[in-house]
Amino acid sequence: MKKSNLLMTTAAAMLLFSTTPTLAEGKSKKEAKVLTVEEQVKLEEIEARVLEIKEMELSSLEKAEKAAVKEELKGLEKEARALRGTGLYISTGALILIIILLIILL
């Protein structure tokens, strides 16, 4: 009886942990989004404005002016991100798994 249980457990483990080699032929790499001329011009304007803000002397500004510059940078970042169309997407299952792992570890 013990010998058959051991054999069944071993067989189940071998089936569980065995892998099958596969080739990903049907999937292609994600192509980069092609920007129109207007979008490229707008993106260049955003980059120029960001560089201009980075070169500014922020220590001489008042608190309200610093907040306005910060808000402008956030808006420019959102606009540039929308033009490029890049982002990170997490599935619901992965999000739940991450939350559970964080709860367990912390």
Protein backbone atom coordinates (compact mmCIF):
# COMPACT_ATOMS: atom_id res chain seq x y z
CA MET A 1 0.00 0.00 0.00
CA LYS A 2 2.79 2.43 0.91
CA LYS A 3 4.66 1.53 -2.23
CA SER A 4 1.68 2.34 -4.49
CA ASN A 5 1.12 5.68 -2.72
CA LEU A 6 4.77 6.55 -3.24
CA LEU A 7 4.57 5.61 -6.92
CA MET A 8 1.37 7.62 -7.45
CA THR A 9 2.88 10.65 -5.69
CA THR A 10 6.05 10.41 -7.77
CA ALA A 11 4.07 10.08 -11.01
CA ALA A 12 1.89 13.06 -10.09
CA ALA A 13 4.95 15.16 -9.25
CA MET A 14 6.62 14.26 -12.54
CA LEU A 15 3.51 15.24 -14.49
CA LEU A 16 3.09 18.42 -12.51
CA PHE A 17 6.66 19.64 -12.89
CA SER A 18 7.33 18.49 -16.44
CA THR A 19 7.50 21.12 -19.16
CA THR A 20 6.68 21.06 -22.83
CA PRO A 21 8.80 23.15 -25.18
CA THR A 22 6.76 25.50 -27.34
CA LEU A 23 7.56 28.13 -29.92
CA ALA A 24 5.90 31.52 -29.99
CA GLU A 25 5.52 31.85 -33.74
CA GLY A 26 2.14 33.52 -33.91
CA LYS A 27 2.98 36.42 -31.65
CA SER A 28 4.93 39.37 -32.93
CA LYS A 29 6.64 42.07 -30.95
CA LYS A 30 4.59 45.12 -30.13
CA GLU A 31 5.10 47.72 -32.80
CA ALA A 32 5.89 51.27 -31.81
CA LYS A 33 3.07 53.76 -32.24
CA VAL A 34 3.55 55.87 -35.34
CA LEU A 35 3.03 59.54 -34.55
CA THR A 36 1.56 61.99 -37.02
CA VAL A 37 3.35 65.21 -37.88
CA GLU A 38 1.10 67.23 -35.57
CA GLU A 39 1.69 64.83 -32.69
CA GLN A 40 5.46 64.95 -33.22
CA VAL A 41 5.41 68.76 -33.23
CA LYS A 42 3.32 68.82 -30.05
CA LEU A 43 5.65 66.30 -28.38
CA GLU A 44 8.69 68.40 -29.30
CA GLU A 45 6.99 71.50 -27.86
CA ILE A 46 6.32 69.63 -24.62
CA GLU A 47 9.94 68.45 -24.40
CA ALA A 48 11.20 71.98 -25.05
CA ARG A 49 8.97 73.38 -22.31
CA VAL A 50 10.11 70.72 -19.84
CA LEU A 51 13.75 71.52 -20.57
CA GLU A 52 12.99 75.22 -20.14
CA ILE A 53 11.41 74.57 -16.74
CA LYS A 54 14.36 72.40 -15.64
CA GLU A 55 16.77 75.21 -16.48
CA MET A 56 14.78 77.75 -14.44
CA GLU A 57 16.04 79.04 -11.11
CA LEU A 58 13.36 77.59 -8.86
CA SER A 59 14.86 78.83 -5.60
CA SER A 60 13.94 82.42 -6.47
CA LEU A 61 10.25 81.59 -7.00
CA GLU A 62 7.56 81.95 -4.37
CA LYS A 63 5.64 78.98 -3.02
CA ALA A 64 2.58 79.59 -5.20
CA GLU A 65 4.72 79.94 -8.33
CA LYS A 66 6.54 76.69 -7.54
CA ALA A 67 3.19 74.93 -7.14
CA ALA A 68 2.02 76.31 -10.49
CA VAL A 69 5.20 75.07 -12.20
CA LYS A 70 4.76 71.66 -10.60
CA GLU A 71 1.16 71.44 -11.80
CA GLU A 72 2.25 72.46 -15.30
CA LEU A 73 4.88 69.71 -15.33
CA LYS A 74 2.31 67.14 -14.26
CA GLY A 75 -0.03 68.27 -17.03
CA LEU A 76 2.76 68.12 -19.60
CA GLU A 77 3.68 64.63 -18.46
CA LYS A 78 0.08 63.42 -18.81
CA GLU A 79 -0.20 64.97 -22.24
CA ALA A 80 3.08 63.43 -23.43
CA ARG A 81 2.09 60.03 -22.08
CA ALA A 82 -1.23 60.25 -23.92
CA LEU A 83 0.56 61.11 -27.17
CA ARG A 84 3.03 58.26 -26.88
CA GLY A 85 0.41 55.74 -25.83
CA THR A 86 2.69 53.91 -23.43
CA GLY A 87 1.71 52.53 -20.11
CA LEU A 88 1.77 49.55 -17.80
CA TYR A 89 -1.34 47.43 -17.61
CA ILE A 90 -1.87 44.90 -14.83
CA SER A 91 -4.58 42.29 -15.00
CA THR A 92 -7.05 41.93 -12.14
CA GLY A 93 -5.69 38.51 -11.18
CA ALA A 94 -2.14 39.81 -11.01
CA LEU A 95 -3.27 42.78 -8.93
CA ILE A 96 -5.05 40.51 -6.45
CA LEU A 97 -1.99 38.27 -6.24
CA ILE A 98 0.28 41.24 -5.57
CA ILE A 99 -2.03 42.54 -2.84
CA ILE A 100 -2.20 39.12 -1.17
CA LEU A 101 1.59 38.78 -1.27
CA LEU A 102 2.00 42.24 0.25
CA ILE A 103 -0.44 41.39 3.03
CA ILE A 104 1.37 38.15 3.79
CA LEU A 105 4.85 39.67 3.69
CA LEU A 106 4.00 42.81 5.63
